[in-house]
Amino acid sequence: MKQALVQQAARRLSGSRNEGANCPKDRADLETDPESKEPSPAPLVSNTGRRAAMNKHLHRKLEAENGKVLQQVSALPYRIRKDGSVQILLITTRETRRFTLPKGWLMKGKSPHKAAAIEAKQEAGVKGKVKPGPVGNYFYWKRDLSCFLPVRVTVYPLKAQTILSRWKERGQRLRKWLHPSEAALLVDEPQLVSLIRSFDGAHSKRRTKHSSRDRLEGLPSEFSDKQGIVGVRAENA
């Protein structure tokens, strides 16, 4: 019964073209989405994992073709240097090597900000304290197998506490700590550019407000490392 429903949905998708999702007719010219964590569907589904991935893909495609904007979550990893300046961690996509933030789909049983923290660990190799309140949203078109899906990404700030030397997607991505002004120049999405600049502006205001107090109180030596980063430690895991 379930297999029949999947086949019925596949036939419906192949014949439908809706403004919600930009779905080209010719699949031969499409590349696999460099952002996708799902395996490409085989002509014959042979195991539970591929069947689940296909079902998720069909469900998202149906939603997009019905005019729904899909939802993802993202972490904005940042760290504070000893001079009070902030750095943001960007990663590259797996194939095109574009700079972006770690992000992914919502996870069953996980709150949005916790899901964003998991994505940061898996994609960027960074762990830390994530805030439940987002700093903003941005929109992009996601290439997903045979379609371009409209996606809104909610971004949660994550203050880096541990930087891993080995992590799940280490061999697939590059990562780079950058000043927000540099990070804003490297990302493609206009709304993400504005979000990064706003985050930098908010931090600069807090830095100015508390700079006098910080100079008087000083910083505990155990929270500094050789690179001049406050509250961040490296971990070989």
C-alpha atoms as a PDB file:
ATOM      1  CA  MET A   1       0.000   0.000   0.000  1.00  0.00           C
ATOM      2  CA  LYS A   2       2.753   2.421   0.973  1.00  0.00           C
ATOM      3  CA  GLN A   3       4.768   1.589  -2.168  1.00  0.00           C
ATOM      4  CA  ALA A   4       1.678   2.221  -4.308  1.00  0.00           C
ATOM      5  CA  LEU A   5       1.218   5.640  -2.743  1.00  0.00           C
ATOM      6  CA  VAL A   6       4.851   6.543  -3.427  1.00  0.00           C
ATOM      7  CA  GLN A   7       4.495   5.499  -7.079  1.00  0.00           C
ATOM      8  CA  GLN A   8       1.262   7.482  -7.367  1.00  0.00           C
ATOM      9  CA  ALA A   9       2.969  10.565  -5.937  1.00  0.00           C
ATOM     10  CA  ALA A  10       5.892  10.134  -8.332  1.00  0.00           C
ATOM     11  CA  ARG A  11       3.512  10.045 -11.334  1.00  0.00           C
ATOM     12  CA  ARG A  12       1.746  13.130 -10.054  1.00  0.00           C
ATOM     13  CA  LEU A  13       5.001  15.005  -9.628  1.00  0.00           C
ATOM     14  CA  SER A  14       6.301  14.136 -13.069  1.00  0.00           C
ATOM     15  CA  GLY A  15       3.194  15.609 -14.692  1.00  0.00           C
ATOM     16  CA  SER A  16       2.686  18.679 -12.562  1.00  0.00           C
ATOM     17  CA  ARG A  17       4.371  22.063 -12.897  1.00  0.00           C
ATOM     18  CA  ASN A  18       3.502  24.711 -10.362  1.00  0.00           C
ATOM     19  CA  GLU A  19       4.841  28.186  -9.534  1.00  0.00           C
ATOM     20  CA  GLY A  20       5.786  27.016  -6.049  1.00  0.00           C
ATOM     21  CA  ALA A  21       8.798  25.046  -7.267  1.00  0.00           C
ATOM     22  CA  ASN A  22      10.877  25.464 -10.398  1.00  0.00           C
ATOM     23  CA  CYS A  23      11.048  21.894 -11.701  1.00  0.00           C
ATOM     24  CA  PRO A  24      12.828  21.415 -15.053  1.00  0.00           C
ATOM     25  CA  LYS A  25      11.508  18.657 -17.336  1.00  0.00           C
ATOM     26  CA  ASP A  26      14.952  17.400 -18.326  1.00  0.00           C
ATOM     27  CA  ARG A  27      16.606  15.726 -15.331  1.00  0.00           C
ATOM     28  CA  ALA A  28      19.703  14.740 -17.295  1.00  0.00           C
ATOM     29  CA  ASP A  29      21.091  18.288 -17.142  1.00  0.00           C
ATOM     30  CA  LEU A  30      20.754  18.564 -13.375  1.00  0.00           C
ATOM     31  CA  GLU A  31      23.492  18.004 -10.817  1.00  0.00           C
ATOM     32  CA  THR A  32      22.955  16.566  -7.360  1.00  0.00           C
ATOM     33  CA  ASP A  33      22.378  19.338  -4.827  1.00  0.00           C
ATOM     34  CA  PRO A  34      25.700  20.019  -3.029  1.00  0.00           C
ATOM     35  CA  GLU A  35      23.724  20.924   0.101  1.00  0.00           C
ATOM     36  CA  SER A  36      21.662  17.731   0.206  1.00  0.00           C
ATOM     37  CA  LYS A  37      22.366  15.125   2.872  1.00  0.00           C
ATOM     38  CA  GLU A  38      20.045  12.613   1.210  1.00  0.00           C
ATOM     39  CA  PRO A  39      21.304   9.894  -1.150  1.00  0.00           C
ATOM     40  CA  SER A  40      20.151  10.052  -4.773  1.00  0.00           C
ATOM     41  CA  PRO A  41      17.107   7.800  -5.214  1.00  0.00           C
ATOM     42  CA  ALA A  42      17.790   4.550  -7.062  1.00  0.00           C
ATOM     43  CA  PRO A  43      15.356   3.286  -9.733  1.00  0.00           C
ATOM     44  CA  LEU A  44      14.491   0.402  -7.420  1.00  0.00           C
ATOM     45  CA  VAL A  45      14.359   1.186  -3.700  1.00  0.00           C
ATOM     46  CA  SER A  46      16.303  -1.574  -2.005  1.00  0.00           C
ATOM     47  CA  ASN A  47      16.487  -0.555   1.645  1.00  0.00           C
ATOM     48  CA  THR A  48      14.687   1.401   4.318  1.00  0.00           C
ATOM     49  CA  GLY A  49      17.109   4.333   4.292  1.00  0.00           C
ATOM     50  CA  ARG A  50      16.687   5.037   0.577  1.00  0.00           C
ATOM     51  CA  ARG A  51      12.928   4.576   0.808  1.00  0.00           C
ATOM     52  CA  ALA A  52      12.761   7.128   3.630  1.00  0.00           C
ATOM     53  CA  ALA A  53      14.934   9.559   1.668  1.00  0.00           C
ATOM     54  CA  MET A  54      12.711   9.215  -1.402  1.00  0.00           C
ATOM     55  CA  ASN A  55       9.568   9.748   0.670  1.00  0.00           C
ATOM     56  CA  LYS A  56      11.043  12.917   2.205  1.00  0.00           C
ATOM     57  CA  HIS A  57      12.044  14.212  -1.222  1.00  0.00           C
ATOM     58  CA  LEU A  58       8.582  13.559  -2.679  1.00  0.00           C
ATOM     59  CA  HIS A  59       6.910  15.177   0.324  1.00  0.00           C
ATOM     60  CA  ARG A  60       9.037  18.346   0.060  1.00  0.00           C
ATOM     61  CA  LYS A  61       8.488  18.544  -3.678  1.00  0.00           C
ATOM     62  CA  LEU A  62       4.717  18.234  -3.240  1.00  0.00           C
ATOM     63  CA  GLU A  63       4.730  20.958  -0.605  1.00  0.00           C
ATOM     64  CA  ALA A  64       6.788  23.284  -2.797  1.00  0.00           C
ATOM     65  CA  GLU A  65       4.596  22.681  -5.847  1.00  0.00           C
ATOM     66  CA  ASN A  66       1.586  23.538  -3.705  1.00  0.00           C
ATOM     67  CA  GLY A  67       3.146  26.928  -2.997  1.00  0.00           C
ATOM     68  CA  LYS A  68       4.694  26.256   0.396  1.00  0.00           C
ATOM     69  CA  VAL A  69       8.070  27.718   1.314  1.00  0.00           C
ATOM     70  CA  LEU A  70      10.118  24.994   2.999  1.00  0.00           C
ATOM     71  CA  GLN A  71      11.876  25.562   6.317  1.00  0.00           C
ATOM     72  CA  GLN A  72      15.487  24.948   7.306  1.00  0.00           C
ATOM     73  CA  VAL A  73      17.550  25.951  10.341  1.00  0.00           C
ATOM     74  CA  SER A  74      21.075  27.300  10.456  1.00  0.00           C
ATOM     75  CA  ALA A  75      23.712  28.084  13.053  1.00  0.00           C
ATOM     76  CA  LEU A  76      25.791  31.250  12.976  1.00  0.00           C
ATOM     77  CA  PRO A  77      28.964  30.160  14.808  1.00  0.00           C
ATOM     78  CA  TYR A  78      30.958  33.057  16.258  1.00  0.00           C
ATOM     79  CA  ARG A  79      33.826  33.653  18.668  1.00  0.00           C
ATOM     80  CA  ILE A  80      35.195  36.685  20.502  1.00  0.00           C
ATOM     81  CA  ARG A  81      38.850  37.647  20.246  1.00  0.00           C
ATOM     82  CA  LYS A  82      40.834  39.130  23.134  1.00  0.00           C
ATOM     83  CA  ASP A  83      40.606  42.589  21.545  1.00  0.00           C
ATOM     84  CA  GLY A  84      36.800  42.297  21.672  1.00  0.00           C
ATOM     85  CA  SER A  85      36.282  41.802  17.941  1.00  0.00           C
ATOM     86  CA  VAL A  86      34.045  39.019  16.649  1.00  0.00           C
ATOM     87  CA  GLN A  87      34.715  36.342  14.022  1.00  0.00           C
ATOM     88  CA  ILE A  88      32.161  34.248  12.143  1.00  0.00           C
ATOM     89  CA  LEU A  89      32.719  30.702  10.893  1.00  0.00           C
ATOM     90  CA  LEU A  90      31.772  30.006   7.284  1.00  0.00           C
ATOM     91  CA  ILE A  91      31.902  26.643   5.530  1.00  0.00           C
ATOM     92  CA  THR A  92      31.883  25.671   1.874  1.00  0.00           C
ATOM     93  CA  THR A  93      29.236  23.649   0.084  1.00  0.00           C
ATOM     94  CA  ARG A  94      30.294  20.150  -0.831  1.00  0.00           C
ATOM     95  CA  GLU A  95      30.644  20.496  -4.614  1.00  0.00           C
ATOM     96  CA  THR A  96      30.524  24.132  -5.726  1.00  0.00           C
ATOM     97  CA  ARG A  97      32.628  25.348  -2.764  1.00  0.00           C
ATOM     98  CA  ARG A  98      30.412  28.379  -2.166  1.00  0.00           C
ATOM     99  CA  PHE A  99      30.679  29.913   1.294  1.00  0.00           C
ATOM    100  CA  THR A 100      27.645  29.587   3.537  1.00  0.00           C
ATOM    101  CA  LEU A 101      26.561  28.811   7.095  1.00  0.00           C
ATOM    102  CA  PRO A 102      25.986  25.267   8.408  1.00  0.00           C
ATOM    103  CA  LYS A 103      22.314  24.447   7.912  1.00  0.00           C
ATOM    104  CA  GLY A 104      19.833  21.641   7.395  1.00  0.00           C
ATOM    105  CA  TRP A 105      16.257  20.454   7.678  1.00  0.00           C
ATOM    106  CA  LEU A 106      14.265  20.438  10.892  1.00  0.00           C
ATOM    107  CA  MET A 107      14.796  17.289  12.945  1.00  0.00           C
ATOM    108  CA  LYS A 108      12.067  15.182  14.508  1.00  0.00           C
ATOM    109  CA  GLY A 109      12.174  15.427  18.291  1.00  0.00           C
ATOM    110  CA  LYS A 110      14.614  18.378  18.259  1.00  0.00           C
ATOM    111  CA  SER A 111      13.841  22.054  18.801  1.00  0.00           C
ATOM    112  CA  PRO A 112      14.929  24.305  15.904  1.00  0.00           C
ATOM    113  CA  HIS A 113      17.918  25.805  17.732  1.00  0.00           C
ATOM    114  CA  LYS A 114      19.101  22.363  18.884  1.00  0.00           C
ATOM    115  CA  ALA A 115      18.863  21.087  15.309  1.00  0.00           C
ATOM    116  CA  ALA A 116      20.953  24.068  14.197  1.00  0.00           C
ATOM    117  CA  ALA A 117      23.603  23.178  16.797  1.00  0.00           C
ATOM    118  CA  ILE A 118      23.729  19.597  15.486  1.00  0.00           C
ATOM    119  CA  GLU A 119      24.246  20.895  11.944  1.00  0.00           C
ATOM    120  CA  ALA A 120      27.107  23.099  13.177  1.00  0.00           C
ATOM    121  CA  LYS A 121      28.838  20.102  14.754  1.00  0.00           C
ATOM    122  CA  GLN A 122      28.349  17.813  11.740  1.00  0.00           C
ATOM    123  CA  GLU A 123      29.137  20.296   8.971  1.00  0.00           C
ATOM    124  CA  ALA A 124      31.568  22.747  10.621  1.00  0.00           C
ATOM    125  CA  GLY A 125      33.070  20.788  13.506  1.00  0.00           C
ATOM    126  CA  VAL A 126      32.163  23.371  16.119  1.00  0.00           C
ATOM    127  CA  LYS A 127      30.268  22.983  19.392  1.00  0.00           C
ATOM    128  CA  GLY A 128      29.036  25.707  21.694  1.00  0.00           C
ATOM    129  CA  LYS A 129      26.165  27.515  23.336  1.00  0.00           C
ATOM    130  CA  VAL A 130      23.263  28.140  20.978  1.00  0.00           C
ATOM    131  CA  LYS A 131      20.557  30.658  21.784  1.00  0.00           C
ATOM    132  CA  PRO A 132      16.897  29.666  21.295  1.00  0.00           C
ATOM    133  CA  GLY A 133      16.084  33.082  19.844  1.00  0.00           C
ATOM    134  CA  PRO A 134      16.978  33.478  16.139  1.00  0.00           C
ATOM    135  CA  VAL A 135      18.936  36.454  14.795  1.00  0.00           C
ATOM    136  CA  GLY A 136      16.989  36.474  11.552  1.00  0.00           C
ATOM    137  CA  ASN A 137      15.980  34.612   8.400  1.00  0.00           C
ATOM    138  CA  TYR A 138      17.069  34.446   4.802  1.00  0.00           C
ATOM    139  CA  PHE A 139      15.649  32.935   1.619  1.00  0.00           C
ATOM    140  CA  TYR A 140      17.284  30.866  -1.127  1.00  0.00           C
ATOM    141  CA  TRP A 141      16.445  28.409  -3.900  1.00  0.00           C
ATOM    142  CA  LYS A 142      17.679  24.904  -3.108  1.00  0.00           C
ATOM    143  CA  ARG A 143      18.627  22.537  -5.919  1.00  0.00           C
ATOM    144  CA  ASP A 144      17.098  19.189  -4.928  1.00  0.00           C
ATOM    145  CA  LEU A 145      17.425  16.317  -7.395  1.00  0.00           C
ATOM    146  CA  SER A 146      15.009  17.481 -10.134  1.00  0.00           C
ATOM    147  CA  CYS A 147      13.740  20.768  -8.690  1.00  0.00           C
ATOM    148  CA  PHE A 148      14.654  24.131  -7.258  1.00  0.00           C
ATOM    149  CA  LEU A 149      12.816  24.379  -3.947  1.00  0.00           C
ATOM    150  CA  PRO A 150      12.022  27.668  -2.172  1.00  0.00           C
ATOM    151  CA  VAL A 151      13.537  27.569   1.314  1.00  0.00           C
ATOM    152  CA  ARG A 152      13.459  29.982   4.247  1.00  0.00           C
ATOM    153  CA  VAL A 153      16.332  29.519   6.695  1.00  0.00           C
ATOM    154  CA  THR A 154      16.045  30.572  10.348  1.00  0.00           C
ATOM    155  CA  VAL A 155      19.452  31.432  11.824  1.00  0.00           C
ATOM    156  CA  TYR A 156      20.453  30.862  15.462  1.00  0.00           C
ATOM    157  CA  PRO A 157      23.634  32.337  16.999  1.00  0.00           C
ATOM    158  CA  LEU A 158      26.069  29.777  18.391  1.00  0.00           C
ATOM    159  CA  LYS A 159      28.947  30.955  20.586  1.00  0.00           C
ATOM    160  CA  ALA A 160      31.834  28.588  19.870  1.00  0.00           C
ATOM    161  CA  GLN A 161      33.262  26.748  22.856  1.00  0.00           C
ATOM    162  CA  THR A 162      34.958  23.738  21.252  1.00  0.00           C
ATOM    163  CA  ILE A 163      36.537  23.478  17.792  1.00  0.00           C
ATOM    164  CA  LEU A 164      36.897  19.884  16.642  1.00  0.00           C
ATOM    165  CA  SER A 165      39.874  18.703  14.601  1.00  0.00           C
ATOM    166  CA  ARG A 166      37.845  15.761  13.272  1.00  0.00           C
ATOM    167  CA  TRP A 167      34.146  15.887  12.459  1.00  0.00           C
ATOM    168  CA  LYS A 168      31.564  14.156  10.272  1.00  0.00           C
ATOM    169  CA  GLU A 169      31.909  16.218   7.064  1.00  0.00           C
ATOM    170  CA  ARG A 170      35.553  17.225   7.429  1.00  0.00           C
ATOM    171  CA  GLY A 171      36.544  15.656   4.102  1.00  0.00           C
ATOM    172  CA  GLN A 172      33.668  17.309   2.239  1.00  0.00           C
ATOM    173  CA  ARG A 173      33.915  20.951   3.291  1.00  0.00           C
ATOM    174  CA  LEU A 174      36.357  23.708   4.125  1.00  0.00           C
ATOM    175  CA  ARG A 175      35.841  26.091   7.047  1.00  0.00           C
ATOM    176  CA  LYS A 176      37.166  29.573   7.701  1.00  0.00           C
ATOM    177  CA  TRP A 177      36.955  32.061  10.580  1.00  0.00           C
ATOM    178  CA  LEU A 178      36.364  35.536   9.173  1.00  0.00           C
ATOM    179  CA  HIS A 179      35.582  39.059  10.278  1.00  0.00           C
ATOM    180  CA  PRO A 180      31.880  39.724   9.594  1.00  0.00           C
ATOM    181  CA  SER A 181      32.719  42.284   6.894  1.00  0.00           C
ATOM    182  CA  GLU A 182      34.726  39.609   5.059  1.00  0.00           C
ATOM    183  CA  ALA A 183      32.055  36.963   5.584  1.00  0.00           C
ATOM    184  CA  ALA A 184      29.388  39.287   4.160  1.00  0.00           C
ATOM    185  CA  LEU A 185      31.405  39.623   0.950  1.00  0.00           C
ATOM    186  CA  LEU A 186      31.717  35.868   0.452  1.00  0.00           C
ATOM    187  CA  VAL A 187      28.117  34.647   0.844  1.00  0.00           C
ATOM    188  CA  ASP A 188      25.726  34.827  -2.101  1.00  0.00           C
ATOM    189  CA  GLU A 189      22.291  35.347  -0.529  1.00  0.00           C
ATOM    190  CA  PRO A 190      21.425  39.080  -0.131  1.00  0.00           C
ATOM    191  CA  GLN A 191      19.352  38.517   3.001  1.00  0.00           C
ATOM    192  CA  LEU A 192      22.199  36.549   4.585  1.00  0.00           C
ATOM    193  CA  VAL A 193      24.570  39.407   3.792  1.00  0.00           C
ATOM    194  CA  SER A 194      22.261  41.810   5.646  1.00  0.00           C
ATOM    195  CA  LEU A 195      21.892  39.372   8.553  1.00  0.00           C
ATOM    196  CA  ILE A 196      25.668  39.062   9.018  1.00  0.00           C
ATOM    197  CA  ARG A 197      26.134  42.825   8.893  1.00  0.00           C
ATOM    198  CA  SER A 198      23.349  43.343  11.420  1.00  0.00           C
ATOM    199  CA  PHE A 199      24.908  40.758  13.734  1.00  0.00           C
ATOM    200  CA  ASP A 200      28.246  42.560  13.502  1.00  0.00           C
ATOM    201  CA  GLY A 201      26.593  45.914  14.208  1.00  0.00           C
ATOM    202  CA  ALA A 202      24.808  44.585  17.283  1.00  0.00           C
ATOM    203  CA  HIS A 203      28.042  43.100  18.629  1.00  0.00           C
ATOM    204  CA  SER A 204      29.931  46.351  18.016  1.00  0.00           C
ATOM    205  CA  LYS A 205      27.372  48.259  20.085  1.00  0.00           C
ATOM    206  CA  ARG A 206      27.698  45.803  22.966  1.00  0.00           C
ATOM    207  CA  ARG A 207      31.474  45.957  22.691  1.00  0.00           C
ATOM    208  CA  THR A 208      31.471  49.746  22.962  1.00  0.00           C
ATOM    209  CA  LYS A 209      29.061  49.675  25.877  1.00  0.00           C
ATOM    210  CA  HIS A 210      31.091  47.207  27.932  1.00  0.00           C
ATOM    211  CA  SER A 211      34.647  48.047  26.883  1.00  0.00           C
ATOM    212  CA  SER A 212      35.357  50.241  29.903  1.00  0.00           C
ATOM    213  CA  ARG A 213      34.086  47.645  32.355  1.00  0.00           C
ATOM    214  CA  ASP A 214      36.083  44.864  30.632  1.00  0.00           C
ATOM    215  CA  ARG A 215      39.303  46.858  30.871  1.00  0.00           C
ATOM    216  CA  LEU A 216      38.809  47.346  34.588  1.00  0.00           C
ATOM    217  CA  GLU A 217      37.872  43.757  35.379  1.00  0.00           C
ATOM    218  CA  GLY A 218      40.305  42.007  33.023  1.00  0.00           C
ATOM    219  CA  LEU A 219      39.873  38.517  31.598  1.00  0.00           C
ATOM    220  CA  PRO A 220      40.738  35.262  33.409  1.00  0.00           C
ATOM    221  CA  SER A 221      43.823  33.681  31.824  1.00  0.00           C
ATOM    222  CA  GLU A 222      42.253  30.214  31.663  1.00  0.00           C
ATOM    223  CA  PHE A 223      39.702  31.458  29.124  1.00  0.00           C
ATOM    224  CA  SER A 224      42.293  32.574  26.564  1.00  0.00           C
ATOM    225  CA  ASP A 225      44.287  30.543  24.066  1.00  0.00           C
ATOM    226  CA  LYS A 226      47.439  31.203  22.075  1.00  0.00           C
ATOM    227  CA  GLN A 227      45.456  32.668  19.173  1.00  0.00           C
ATOM    228  CA  GLY A 228      43.886  35.316  21.362  1.00  0.00           C
ATOM    229  CA  ILE A 229      40.393  33.818  21.301  1.00  0.00           C
ATOM    230  CA  VAL A 230      38.310  34.095  24.447  1.00  0.00           C
ATOM    231  CA  GLY A 231      36.464  31.018  25.750  1.00  0.00           C
ATOM    232  CA  VAL A 232      37.320  28.648  22.877  1.00  0.00           C
ATOM    233  CA  ARG A 233      39.308  25.433  23.141  1.00  0.00           C
ATOM    234  CA  ALA A 234      40.460  22.926  20.554  1.00  0.00           C
ATOM    235  CA  GLU A 235      39.485  19.295  20.818  1.00  0.00           C
ATOM    236  CA  ASN A 236      40.916  16.304  18.969  1.00  0.00           C
ATOM    237  CA  ALA A 237      37.619  14.521  18.468  1.00  0.00           C
END
